[in-house]
Amino acid sequence: MYALVEILGKQYKAEVGADLTVDHINDVEVGSDVSYESVLAVVDGENARFGTPYVAGAKVVATLKDEFRDSKVRVYKFHKRKGYRRTQGHRETYSVISVKAIEG
C-alpha cells in the first residue's frame, strides 16, 4: 500500500515505514507527529483511489525524525571580457520524515 501525497507543494510517494526527505518543515520539533491530508492517490494492491484533486478522508501520518543541511552549492556568475565575476554559496535545509500510517 502506498499513497501519493503533496507536501509543501511537491509530490512524494509515501509507504508505511519509509523515510522521506522533504523541504524544511517549520514550527515542528524533532520527534513530533505531522499529518498531511493533501493525498492525491491511495493504491492498495489492485484497488486504487484517485482524488480530484485530493482523496476525501485520506491522510498520511508521519514523524519528524531529523533536520539537516545539504552540501553547499556554488553559484558562479561570469561575463567574459567585462571583469565581472561573482561567487555565491547556498545550503538548503531539509527534513526527514518517517511515514507511520496511511489512513483512508
PDB file of N, CA and C in Angstrom:
ATOM      1  N   MET A   1       0.848  -1.183   0.000  1.00  0.00           N
ATOM      2  CA  MET A   1       0.000   0.000   0.000  1.00  0.00           C
ATOM      3  C   MET A   1       0.882   1.231   0.000  1.00  0.00           C
ATOM      4  N   TYR A   2       0.522   2.182  -0.853  1.00  0.00           N
ATOM      5  CA  TYR A   2       1.235   3.446  -0.867  1.00  0.00           C
ATOM      6  C   TYR A   2       0.279   4.567  -1.217  1.00  0.00           C
ATOM      7  N   ALA A   3       0.732   5.791  -0.956  1.00  0.00           N
ATOM      8  CA  ALA A   3      -0.078   6.968  -1.248  1.00  0.00           C
ATOM      9  C   ALA A   3       0.801   8.022  -1.891  1.00  0.00           C
ATOM     10  N   LEU A   4       0.224   8.778  -2.790  1.00  0.00           N
ATOM     11  CA  LEU A   4       0.885   9.943  -3.356  1.00  0.00           C
ATOM     12  C   LEU A   4       0.390  11.151  -2.583  1.00  0.00           C
ATOM     13  N   VAL A   5       1.311  11.837  -1.925  1.00  0.00           N
ATOM     14  CA  VAL A   5       0.938  12.932  -1.035  1.00  0.00           C
ATOM     15  C   VAL A   5       1.676  14.199  -1.443  1.00  0.00           C
ATOM     16  N   GLU A   6       1.006  15.320  -1.273  1.00  0.00           N
ATOM     17  CA  GLU A   6       1.602  16.618  -1.578  1.00  0.00           C
ATOM     18  C   GLU A   6       2.067  17.250  -0.272  1.00  0.00           C
ATOM     19  N   ILE A   7       3.383  17.512  -0.190  1.00  0.00           N
ATOM     20  CA  ILE A   7       3.978  18.115   0.997  1.00  0.00           C
ATOM     21  C   ILE A   7       4.722  19.361   0.564  1.00  0.00           C
ATOM     22  N   LEU A   8       4.264  20.507   1.040  1.00  0.00           N
ATOM     23  CA  LEU A   8       4.876  21.805   0.741  1.00  0.00           C
ATOM     24  C   LEU A   8       5.009  22.038  -0.768  1.00  0.00           C
ATOM     25  N   GLY A   9       3.988  21.657  -1.526  1.00  0.00           N
ATOM     26  CA  GLY A   9       3.953  21.934  -2.952  1.00  0.00           C
ATOM     27  C   GLY A   9       4.647  20.918  -3.826  1.00  0.00           C
ATOM     28  N   LYS A  10       5.211  19.864  -3.243  1.00  0.00           N
ATOM     29  CA  LYS A  10       5.876  18.816  -4.013  1.00  0.00           C
ATOM     30  C   LYS A  10       5.212  17.479  -3.727  1.00  0.00           C
ATOM     31  N   GLN A  11       5.257  16.574  -4.692  1.00  0.00           N
ATOM     32  CA  GLN A  11       4.575  15.294  -4.558  1.00  0.00           C
ATOM     33  C   GLN A  11       5.574  14.188  -4.213  1.00  0.00           C
ATOM     34  N   TYR A  12       5.185  13.323  -3.278  1.00  0.00           N
ATOM     35  CA  TYR A  12       6.037  12.231  -2.818  1.00  0.00           C
ATOM     36  C   TYR A  12       5.232  10.944  -2.765  1.00  0.00           C
ATOM     37  N   LYS A  13       5.933   9.822  -2.950  1.00  0.00           N
ATOM     38  CA  LYS A  13       5.320   8.504  -2.805  1.00  0.00           C
ATOM     39  C   LYS A  13       5.602   8.029  -1.386  1.00  0.00           C
ATOM     40  N   ALA A  14       4.547   7.887  -0.587  1.00  0.00           N
ATOM     41  CA  ALA A  14       4.680   7.532   0.824  1.00  0.00           C
ATOM     42  C   ALA A  14       4.238   6.092   1.037  1.00  0.00           C
ATOM     43  N   GLU A  15       5.134   5.293   1.629  1.00  0.00           N
ATOM     44  CA  GLU A  15       4.827   3.923   2.030  1.00  0.00           C
ATOM     45  C   GLU A  15       5.058   3.824   3.528  1.00  0.00           C
ATOM     46  N   VAL A  16       4.317   2.970   4.194  1.00  0.00           N
ATOM     47  CA  VAL A  16       4.447   2.821   5.643  1.00  0.00           C
ATOM     48  C   VAL A  16       5.853   2.324   5.969  1.00  0.00           C
ATOM     49  N   GLY A  17       6.523   3.022   6.876  1.00  0.00           N
ATOM     50  CA  GLY A  17       7.877   2.661   7.283  1.00  0.00           C
ATOM     51  C   GLY A  17       8.967   3.316   6.463  1.00  0.00           C
ATOM     52  N   ALA A  18       8.615   4.010   5.393  1.00  0.00           N
ATOM     53  CA  ALA A  18       9.624   4.635   4.533  1.00  0.00           C
ATOM     54  C   ALA A  18      10.021   6.002   5.091  1.00  0.00           C
ATOM     55  N   ASP A  19      11.271   6.386   4.836  1.00  0.00           N
ATOM     56  CA  ASP A  19      11.763   7.708   5.201  1.00  0.00           C
ATOM     57  C   ASP A  19      11.749   8.591   3.964  1.00  0.00           C
ATOM     58  N   LEU A  20      11.217   9.799   4.104  1.00  0.00           N
ATOM     59  CA  LEU A  20      11.151  10.750   3.003  1.00  0.00           C
ATOM     60  C   LEU A  20      11.967  11.984   3.352  1.00  0.00           C
ATOM     61  N   THR A  21      12.761  12.454   2.420  1.00  0.00           N
ATOM     62  CA  THR A  21      13.498  13.699   2.585  1.00  0.00           C
ATOM     63  C   THR A  21      12.709  14.788   1.882  1.00  0.00           C
ATOM     64  N   VAL A  22      12.185  15.731   2.670  1.00  0.00           N
ATOM     65  CA  VAL A  22      11.332  16.792   2.141  1.00  0.00           C
ATOM     66  C   VAL A  22      11.962  18.143   2.467  1.00  0.00           C
ATOM     67  N   ASP A  23      11.398  19.191   1.889  1.00  0.00           N
ATOM     68  CA  ASP A  23      11.853  20.534   2.218  1.00  0.00           C
ATOM     69  C   ASP A  23      11.641  20.785   3.711  1.00  0.00           C
ATOM     70  N   HIS A  24      12.357  21.768   4.240  1.00  0.00           N
ATOM     71  CA  HIS A  24      12.342  22.055   5.676  1.00  0.00           C
ATOM     72  C   HIS A  24      10.927  22.355   6.160  1.00  0.00           C
ATOM     73  N   ILE A  25      10.524  21.682   7.233  1.00  0.00           N
ATOM     74  CA  ILE A  25       9.215  21.878   7.840  1.00  0.00           C
ATOM     75  C   ILE A  25       9.395  22.801   9.043  1.00  0.00           C
ATOM     76  N   ASN A  26       8.778  23.969   8.991  1.00  0.00           N
ATOM     77  CA  ASN A  26       8.901  24.957  10.062  1.00  0.00           C
ATOM     78  C   ASN A  26       7.952  24.639  11.211  1.00  0.00           C
ATOM     79  N   ASP A  27       8.279  25.126  12.401  1.00  0.00           N
ATOM     80  CA  ASP A  27       7.415  25.094  13.586  1.00  0.00           C
ATOM     81  C   ASP A  27       7.048  23.689  14.048  1.00  0.00           C
ATOM     82  N   VAL A  28       7.867  22.693  13.752  1.00  0.00           N
ATOM     83  CA  VAL A  28       7.632  21.333  14.228  1.00  0.00           C
ATOM     84  C   VAL A  28       8.927  20.830  14.851  1.00  0.00           C
ATOM     85  N   GLU A  29       8.825  20.281  16.055  1.00  0.00           N
ATOM     86  CA  GLU A  29      10.010  19.776  16.738  1.00  0.00           C
ATOM     87  C   GLU A  29      10.322  18.354  16.292  1.00  0.00           C
ATOM     88  N   VAL A  30      11.594  17.996  16.376  1.00  0.00           N
ATOM     89  CA  VAL A  30      12.023  16.646  16.023  1.00  0.00           C
ATOM     90  C   VAL A  30      11.391  15.653  17.000  1.00  0.00           C
ATOM     91  N   GLY A  31      10.793  14.602  16.464  1.00  0.00           N
ATOM     92  CA  GLY A  31      10.142  13.588  17.283  1.00  0.00           C
ATOM     93  C   GLY A  31       8.636  13.734  17.347  1.00  0.00           C
ATOM     94  N   SER A  32       8.100  14.838  16.874  1.00  0.00           N
ATOM     95  CA  SER A  32       6.654  15.023  16.919  1.00  0.00           C
ATOM     96  C   SER A  32       5.999  14.542  15.626  1.00  0.00           C
ATOM     97  N   ASP A  33       4.695  14.313  15.696  1.00  0.00           N
ATOM     98  CA  ASP A  33       3.951  13.803  14.553  1.00  0.00           C
ATOM     99  C   ASP A  33       3.413  14.940  13.695  1.00  0.00           C
ATOM    100  N   VAL A  34       3.362  14.688  12.395  1.00  0.00           N
ATOM    101  CA  VAL A  34       2.732  15.604  11.446  1.00  0.00           C
ATOM    102  C   VAL A  34       1.779  14.775  10.590  1.00  0.00           C
ATOM    103  N   SER A  35       0.685  15.391  10.159  1.00  0.00           N
ATOM    104  CA  SER A  35      -0.254  14.678   9.298  1.00  0.00           C
ATOM    105  C   SER A  35      -0.558  15.545   8.089  1.00  0.00           C
ATOM    106  N   TYR A  36      -0.721  14.882   6.954  1.00  0.00           N
ATOM    107  CA  TYR A  36      -0.991  15.560   5.696  1.00  0.00           C
ATOM    108  C   TYR A  36      -2.282  15.005   5.116  1.00  0.00           C
ATOM    109  N   GLU A  37      -3.219  15.897   4.824  1.00  0.00           N
ATOM    110  CA  GLU A  37      -4.499  15.494   4.271  1.00  0.00           C
ATOM    111  C   GLU A  37      -4.577  15.747   2.774  1.00  0.00           C
ATOM    112  N   SER A  38      -3.509  16.269   2.192  1.00  0.00           N
ATOM    113  CA  SER A  38      -3.489  16.526   0.751  1.00  0.00           C
ATOM    114  C   SER A  38      -2.960  15.281   0.023  1.00  0.00           C
ATOM    115  N   VAL A  39      -3.762  14.208   0.081  1.00  0.00           N
ATOM    116  CA  VAL A  39      -3.408  12.932  -0.533  1.00  0.00           C
ATOM    117  C   VAL A  39      -4.010  12.899  -1.937  1.00  0.00           C
ATOM    118  N   LEU A  40      -3.170  12.694  -2.937  1.00  0.00           N
ATOM    119  CA  LEU A  40      -3.617  12.697  -4.321  1.00  0.00           C
ATOM    120  C   LEU A  40      -4.135  11.346  -4.776  1.00  0.00           C
ATOM    121  N   ALA A  41      -3.551  10.260  -4.251  1.00  0.00           N
ATOM    122  CA  ALA A  41      -3.967   8.915  -4.642  1.00  0.00           C
ATOM    123  C   ALA A  41      -3.604   7.933  -3.538  1.00  0.00           C
ATOM    124  N   VAL A  42      -4.427   6.896  -3.395  1.00  0.00           N
ATOM    125  CA  VAL A  42      -4.161   5.798  -2.465  1.00  0.00           C
ATOM    126  C   VAL A  42      -4.269   4.505  -3.261  1.00  0.00           C
ATOM    127  N   VAL A  43      -3.188   3.713  -3.253  1.00  0.00           N
ATOM    128  CA  VAL A  43      -3.153   2.461  -4.002  1.00  0.00           C
ATOM    129  C   VAL A  43      -2.927   1.328  -3.008  1.00  0.00           C
ATOM    130  N   ASP A  44      -3.852   0.357  -3.001  1.00  0.00           N
ATOM    131  CA  ASP A  44      -3.753  -0.801  -2.119  1.00  0.00           C
ATOM    132  C   ASP A  44      -3.967  -2.049  -2.967  1.00  0.00           C
ATOM    133  N   GLY A  45      -2.868  -2.649  -3.406  1.00  0.00           N
ATOM    134  CA  GLY A  45      -2.960  -3.814  -4.282  1.00  0.00           C
ATOM    135  C   GLY A  45      -3.539  -3.410  -5.629  1.00  0.00           C
ATOM    136  N   GLU A  46      -4.690  -3.982  -5.954  1.00  0.00           N
ATOM    137  CA  GLU A  46      -5.336  -3.628  -7.215  1.00  0.00           C
ATOM    138  C   GLU A  46      -6.395  -2.549  -7.039  1.00  0.00           C
ATOM    139  N   ASN A  47      -6.652  -2.152  -5.799  1.00  0.00           N
ATOM    140  CA  ASN A  47      -7.610  -1.081  -5.538  1.00  0.00           C
ATOM    141  C   ASN A  47      -6.876   0.248  -5.536  1.00  0.00           C
ATOM    142  N   ALA A  48      -7.329   1.179  -6.359  1.00  0.00           N
ATOM    143  CA  ALA A  48      -6.708   2.498  -6.420  1.00  0.00           C
ATOM    144  C   ALA A  48      -7.796   3.556  -6.378  1.00  0.00           C
ATOM    145  N   ARG A  49      -7.549   4.579  -5.557  1.00  0.00           N
ATOM    146  CA  ARG A  49      -8.473   5.709  -5.488  1.00  0.00           C
ATOM    147  C   ARG A  49      -7.692   6.971  -5.814  1.00  0.00           C
ATOM    148  N   PHE A  50      -8.230   7.761  -6.713  1.00  0.00           N
ATOM    149  CA  PHE A  50      -7.585   8.996  -7.129  1.00  0.00           C
ATOM    150  C   PHE A  50      -8.504  10.162  -6.799  1.00  0.00           C
ATOM    151  N   GLY A  51      -7.930  11.242  -6.309  1.00  0.00           N
ATOM    152  CA  GLY A  51      -8.711  12.394  -5.911  1.00  0.00           C
ATOM    153  C   GLY A  51      -8.854  13.413  -7.023  1.00  0.00           C
ATOM    154  N   THR A  52      -9.784  14.338  -6.811  1.00  0.00           N
ATOM    155  CA  THR A  52      -9.979  15.435  -7.763  1.00  0.00           C
ATOM    156  C   THR A  52      -9.992  16.762  -7.021  1.00  0.00           C
ATOM    157  N   PRO A  53      -8.952  17.346  -6.553  1.00  0.00           N
ATOM    158  CA  PRO A  53      -7.573  16.892  -6.645  1.00  0.00           C
ATOM    159  C   PRO A  53      -7.136  15.985  -5.492  1.00  0.00           C
ATOM    160  N   TYR A  54      -7.891  15.970  -4.359  1.00  0.00           N
ATOM    161  CA  TYR A  54      -7.464  15.183  -3.205  1.00  0.00           C
ATOM    162  C   TYR A  54      -8.494  14.098  -2.895  1.00  0.00           C
ATOM    163  N   VAL A  55      -8.012  12.996  -2.308  1.00  0.00           N
ATOM    164  CA  VAL A  55      -8.886  11.897  -1.904  1.00  0.00           C
ATOM    165  C   VAL A  55      -9.577  12.290  -0.599  1.00  0.00           C
ATOM    166  N   ALA A  56     -10.892  12.221  -0.581  1.00  0.00           N
ATOM    167  CA  ALA A  56     -11.653  12.616   0.602  1.00  0.00           C
ATOM    168  C   ALA A  56     -11.443  11.602   1.727  1.00  0.00           C
ATOM    169  N   GLY A  57     -11.135  12.104   2.918  1.00  0.00           N
ATOM    170  CA  GLY A  57     -10.993  11.251   4.094  1.00  0.00           C
ATOM    171  C   GLY A  57      -9.653  10.553   4.228  1.00  0.00           C
ATOM    172  N   ALA A  58      -8.739  10.769   3.310  1.00  0.00           N
ATOM    173  CA  ALA A  58      -7.432  10.104   3.383  1.00  0.00           C
ATOM    174  C   ALA A  58      -6.402  11.058   3.979  1.00  0.00           C
ATOM    175  N   LYS A  59      -5.486  10.493   4.756  1.00  0.00           N
ATOM    176  CA  LYS A  59      -4.388  11.294   5.286  1.00  0.00           C
ATOM    177  C   LYS A  59      -3.187  10.409   5.566  1.00  0.00           C
ATOM    178  N   VAL A  60      -2.032  11.037   5.602  1.00  0.00           N
ATOM    179  CA  VAL A  60      -0.767  10.364   5.865  1.00  0.00           C
ATOM    180  C   VAL A  60      -0.226  10.915   7.182  1.00  0.00           C
ATOM    181  N   VAL A  61       0.083  10.030   8.118  1.00  0.00           N
ATOM    182  CA  VAL A  61       0.628  10.407   9.416  1.00  0.00           C
ATOM    183  C   VAL A  61       2.105  10.035   9.426  1.00  0.00           C
ATOM    184  N   ALA A  62       2.953  11.004   9.798  1.00  0.00           N
ATOM    185  CA  ALA A  62       4.400  10.776   9.798  1.00  0.00           C
ATOM    186  C   ALA A  62       5.025  11.395  11.043  1.00  0.00           C
ATOM    187  N   THR A  63       6.262  10.982  11.328  1.00  0.00           N
ATOM    188  CA  THR A  63       7.033  11.509  12.450  1.00  0.00           C
ATOM    189  C   THR A  63       8.262  12.225  11.905  1.00  0.00           C
ATOM    190  N   LEU A  64       8.522  13.416  12.416  1.00  0.00           N
ATOM    191  CA  LEU A  64       9.711  14.160  12.016  1.00  0.00           C
ATOM    192  C   LEU A  64      10.918  13.560  12.722  1.00  0.00           C
ATOM    193  N   LYS A  65      11.837  12.970  11.935  1.00  0.00           N
ATOM    194  CA  LYS A  65      12.988  12.275  12.516  1.00  0.00           C
ATOM    195  C   LYS A  65      14.210  13.161  12.652  1.00  0.00           C
ATOM    196  N   ASP A  66      14.490  13.977  11.640  1.00  0.00           N
ATOM    197  CA  ASP A  66      15.758  14.692  11.617  1.00  0.00           C
ATOM    198  C   ASP A  66      15.644  15.910  10.716  1.00  0.00           C
ATOM    199  N   GLU A  67      16.532  16.867  10.941  1.00  0.00           N
ATOM    200  CA  GLU A  67      16.695  18.021  10.061  1.00  0.00           C
ATOM    201  C   GLU A  67      18.179  18.138   9.745  1.00  0.00           C
ATOM    202  N   PHE A  68      18.503  18.433   8.497  1.00  0.00           N
ATOM    203  CA  PHE A  68      19.904  18.566   8.121  1.00  0.00           C
ATOM    204  C   PHE A  68      20.039  19.583   7.000  1.00  0.00           C
ATOM    205  N   ARG A  69      21.271  20.019   6.792  1.00  0.00           N
ATOM    206  CA  ARG A  69      21.558  20.945   5.709  1.00  0.00           C
ATOM    207  C   ARG A  69      22.381  20.208   4.659  1.00  0.00           C
ATOM    208  N   ASP A  70      22.006  20.404   3.413  1.00  0.00           N
ATOM    209  CA  ASP A  70      22.650  19.731   2.297  1.00  0.00           C
ATOM    210  C   ASP A  70      24.020  20.342   2.043  1.00  0.00           C
ATOM    211  N   SER A  71      24.788  19.720   1.176  1.00  0.00           N
ATOM    212  CA  SER A  71      26.106  20.255   0.841  1.00  0.00           C
ATOM    213  C   SER A  71      25.968  21.575   0.104  1.00  0.00           C
ATOM    214  N   LYS A  72      27.015  22.372   0.150  1.00  0.00           N
ATOM    215  CA  LYS A  72      26.978  23.710  -0.413  1.00  0.00           C
ATOM    216  C   LYS A  72      26.976  23.670  -1.939  1.00  0.00           C
ATOM    217  N   VAL A  73      26.136  24.502  -2.521  1.00  0.00           N
ATOM    218  CA  VAL A  73      26.065  24.651  -3.967  1.00  0.00           C
ATOM    219  C   VAL A  73      26.700  25.991  -4.306  1.00  0.00           C
ATOM    220  N   ARG A  74      27.677  25.969  -5.191  1.00  0.00           N
ATOM    221  CA  ARG A  74      28.356  27.196  -5.615  1.00  0.00           C
ATOM    222  C   ARG A  74      27.637  27.799  -6.810  1.00  0.00           C
ATOM    223  N   VAL A  75      27.319  29.077  -6.710  1.00  0.00           N
ATOM    224  CA  VAL A  75      26.711  29.815  -7.814  1.00  0.00           C
ATOM    225  C   VAL A  75      27.773  30.778  -8.318  1.00  0.00           C
ATOM    226  N   TYR A  76      28.151  30.654  -9.592  1.00  0.00           N
ATOM    227  CA  TYR A  76      29.213  31.464 -10.161  1.00  0.00           C
ATOM    228  C   TYR A  76      28.680  32.211 -11.377  1.00  0.00           C
ATOM    229  N   LYS A  77      28.802  33.538 -11.344  1.00  0.00           N
ATOM    230  CA  LYS A  77      28.378  34.370 -12.461  1.00  0.00           C
ATOM    231  C   LYS A  77      29.610  34.960 -13.119  1.00  0.00           C
ATOM    232  N   PHE A  78      29.586  35.026 -14.434  1.00  0.00           N
ATOM    233  CA  PHE A  78      30.765  35.452 -15.174  1.00  0.00           C
ATOM    234  C   PHE A  78      30.325  36.092 -16.491  1.00  0.00           C
ATOM    235  N   HIS A  79      30.875  37.284 -16.768  1.00  0.00           N
ATOM    236  CA  HIS A  79      30.680  37.931 -18.066  1.00  0.00           C
ATOM    237  C   HIS A  79      32.047  38.063 -18.714  1.00  0.00           C
ATOM    238  N   LYS A  80      32.205  37.482 -19.855  1.00  0.00           N
ATOM    239  CA  LYS A  80      33.523  37.498 -20.482  1.00  0.00           C
ATOM    240  C   LYS A  80      33.902  38.920 -20.907  1.00  0.00           C
ATOM    241  N   ARG A  81      35.171  39.215 -20.782  1.00  0.00           N
ATOM    242  CA  ARG A  81      35.793  40.482 -21.181  1.00  0.00           C
ATOM    243  C   ARG A  81      35.253  41.707 -20.446  1.00  0.00           C
ATOM    244  N   LYS A  82      34.536  41.536 -19.353  1.00  0.00           N
ATOM    245  CA  LYS A  82      33.963  42.676 -18.626  1.00  0.00           C
ATOM    246  C   LYS A  82      34.523  42.804 -17.210  1.00  0.00           C
ATOM    247  N   GLY A  83      35.308  41.825 -16.772  1.00  0.00           N
ATOM    248  CA  GLY A  83      35.831  41.861 -15.411  1.00  0.00           C
ATOM    249  C   GLY A  83      34.769  41.575 -14.362  1.00  0.00           C
ATOM    250  N   TYR A  84      33.704  40.916 -14.764  1.00  0.00           N
ATOM    251  CA  TYR A  84      32.594  40.632 -13.859  1.00  0.00           C
ATOM    252  C   TYR A  84      32.642  39.181 -13.425  1.00  0.00           C
ATOM    253  N   ARG A  85      32.878  38.959 -12.131  1.00  0.00           N
ATOM    254  CA  ARG A  85      32.898  37.616 -11.559  1.00  0.00           C
ATOM    255  C   ARG A  85      32.256  37.677 -10.179  1.00  0.00           C
ATOM    256  N   ARG A  86      31.302  36.813  -9.921  1.00  0.00           N
ATOM    257  CA  ARG A  86      30.646  36.759  -8.621  1.00  0.00           C
ATOM    258  C   ARG A  86      30.512  35.291  -8.206  1.00  0.00           C
ATOM    259  N   THR A  87      30.852  35.009  -6.964  1.00  0.00           N
ATOM    260  CA  THR A  87      30.695  33.670  -6.415  1.00  0.00           C
ATOM    261  C   THR A  87      29.787  33.762  -5.192  1.00  0.00           C
ATOM    262  N   GLN A  88      28.824  32.862  -5.148  1.00  0.00           N
ATOM    263  CA  GLN A  88      27.893  32.838  -4.034  1.00  0.00           C
ATOM    264  C   GLN A  88      27.651  31.382  -3.651  1.00  0.00           C
ATOM    265  N   GLY A  89      27.515  31.106  -2.357  1.00  0.00           N
ATOM    266  CA  GLY A  89      27.238  29.755  -1.892  1.00  0.00           C
ATOM    267  C   GLY A  89      25.853  29.673  -1.271  1.00  0.00           C
ATOM    268  N   HIS A  90      25.267  28.469  -1.326  1.00  0.00           N
ATOM    269  CA  HIS A  90      23.929  28.272  -0.775  1.00  0.00           C
ATOM    270  C   HIS A  90      23.816  26.864  -0.227  1.00  0.00           C
ATOM    271  N   ARG A  91      23.225  26.730   0.982  1.00  0.00           N
ATOM    272  CA  ARG A  91      22.946  25.429   1.579  1.00  0.00           C
ATOM    273  C   ARG A  91      21.471  25.364   1.929  1.00  0.00           C
ATOM    274  N   GLU A  92      20.799  24.366   1.405  1.00  0.00           N
ATOM    275  CA  GLU A  92      19.367  24.199   1.641  1.00  0.00           C
ATOM    276  C   GLU A  92      19.149  23.306   2.863  1.00  0.00           C
ATOM    277  N   THR A  93      18.121  23.609   3.658  1.00  0.00           N
ATOM    278  CA  THR A  93      17.767  22.822   4.823  1.00  0.00           C
ATOM    279  C   THR A  93      16.645  21.853   4.465  1.00  0.00           C
ATOM    280  N   TYR A  94      16.797  20.593   4.863  1.00  0.00           N
ATOM    281  CA  TYR A  94      15.814  19.557   4.577  1.00  0.00           C
ATOM    282  C   TYR A  94      15.365  18.895   5.877  1.00  0.00           C
ATOM    283  N   SER A  95      14.216  18.240   5.825  1.00  0.00           N
ATOM    284  CA  SER A  95      13.692  17.478   6.947  1.00  0.00           C
ATOM    285  C   SER A  95      13.496  16.030   6.505  1.00  0.00           C
ATOM    286  N   VAL A  96      13.724  15.102   7.423  1.00  0.00           N
ATOM    287  CA  VAL A  96      13.496  13.687   7.164  1.00  0.00           C
ATOM    288  C   VAL A  96      12.293  13.260   7.987  1.00  0.00           C
ATOM    289  N   ILE A  97      11.273  12.719   7.298  1.00  0.00           N
ATOM    290  CA  ILE A  97      10.087  12.240   7.994  1.00  0.00           C
ATOM    291  C   ILE A  97       9.945  10.745   7.747  1.00  0.00           C
ATOM    292  N   SER A  98       9.405  10.056   8.746  1.00  0.00           N
ATOM    293  CA  SER A  98       9.155   8.616   8.646  1.00  0.00           C
ATOM    294  C   SER A  98       7.650   8.407   8.633  1.00  0.00           C
ATOM    295  N   VAL A  99       7.145   7.736   7.618  1.00  0.00           N
ATOM    296  CA  VAL A  99       5.705   7.532   7.462  1.00  0.00           C
ATOM    297  C   VAL A  99       5.250   6.443   8.436  1.00  0.00           C
ATOM    298  N   LYS A 100       4.286   6.776   9.299  1.00  0.00           N
ATOM    299  CA  LYS A 100       3.766   5.828  10.284  1.00  0.00           C
ATOM    300  C   LYS A 100       2.532   5.109   9.783  1.00  0.00           C
ATOM    301  N   ALA A 101       1.621   5.858   9.151  1.00  0.00           N
ATOM    302  CA  ALA A 101       0.349   5.250   8.750  1.00  0.00           C
ATOM    303  C   ALA A 101      -0.246   5.992   7.562  1.00  0.00           C
ATOM    304  N   ILE A 102      -0.991   5.234   6.770  1.00  0.00           N
ATOM    305  CA  ILE A 102      -1.783   5.806   5.683  1.00  0.00           C
ATOM    306  C   ILE A 102      -3.230   5.459   5.996  1.00  0.00           C
ATOM    307  N   GLU A 103      -4.019   6.477   6.242  1.00  0.00           N
ATOM    308  CA  GLU A 103      -5.414   6.266   6.651  1.00  0.00           C
ATOM    309  C   GLU A 103      -6.345   6.625   5.503  1.00  0.00           C
ATOM    310  N   GLY A 104      -7.375   5.842   5.325  1.00  0.00           N
ATOM    311  CA  GLY A 104      -8.356   6.123   4.278  1.00  0.00           C
ATOM    312  C   GLY A 104      -8.092   5.292   3.114  1.00  0.00           C
TER     313      GLY A 104
END
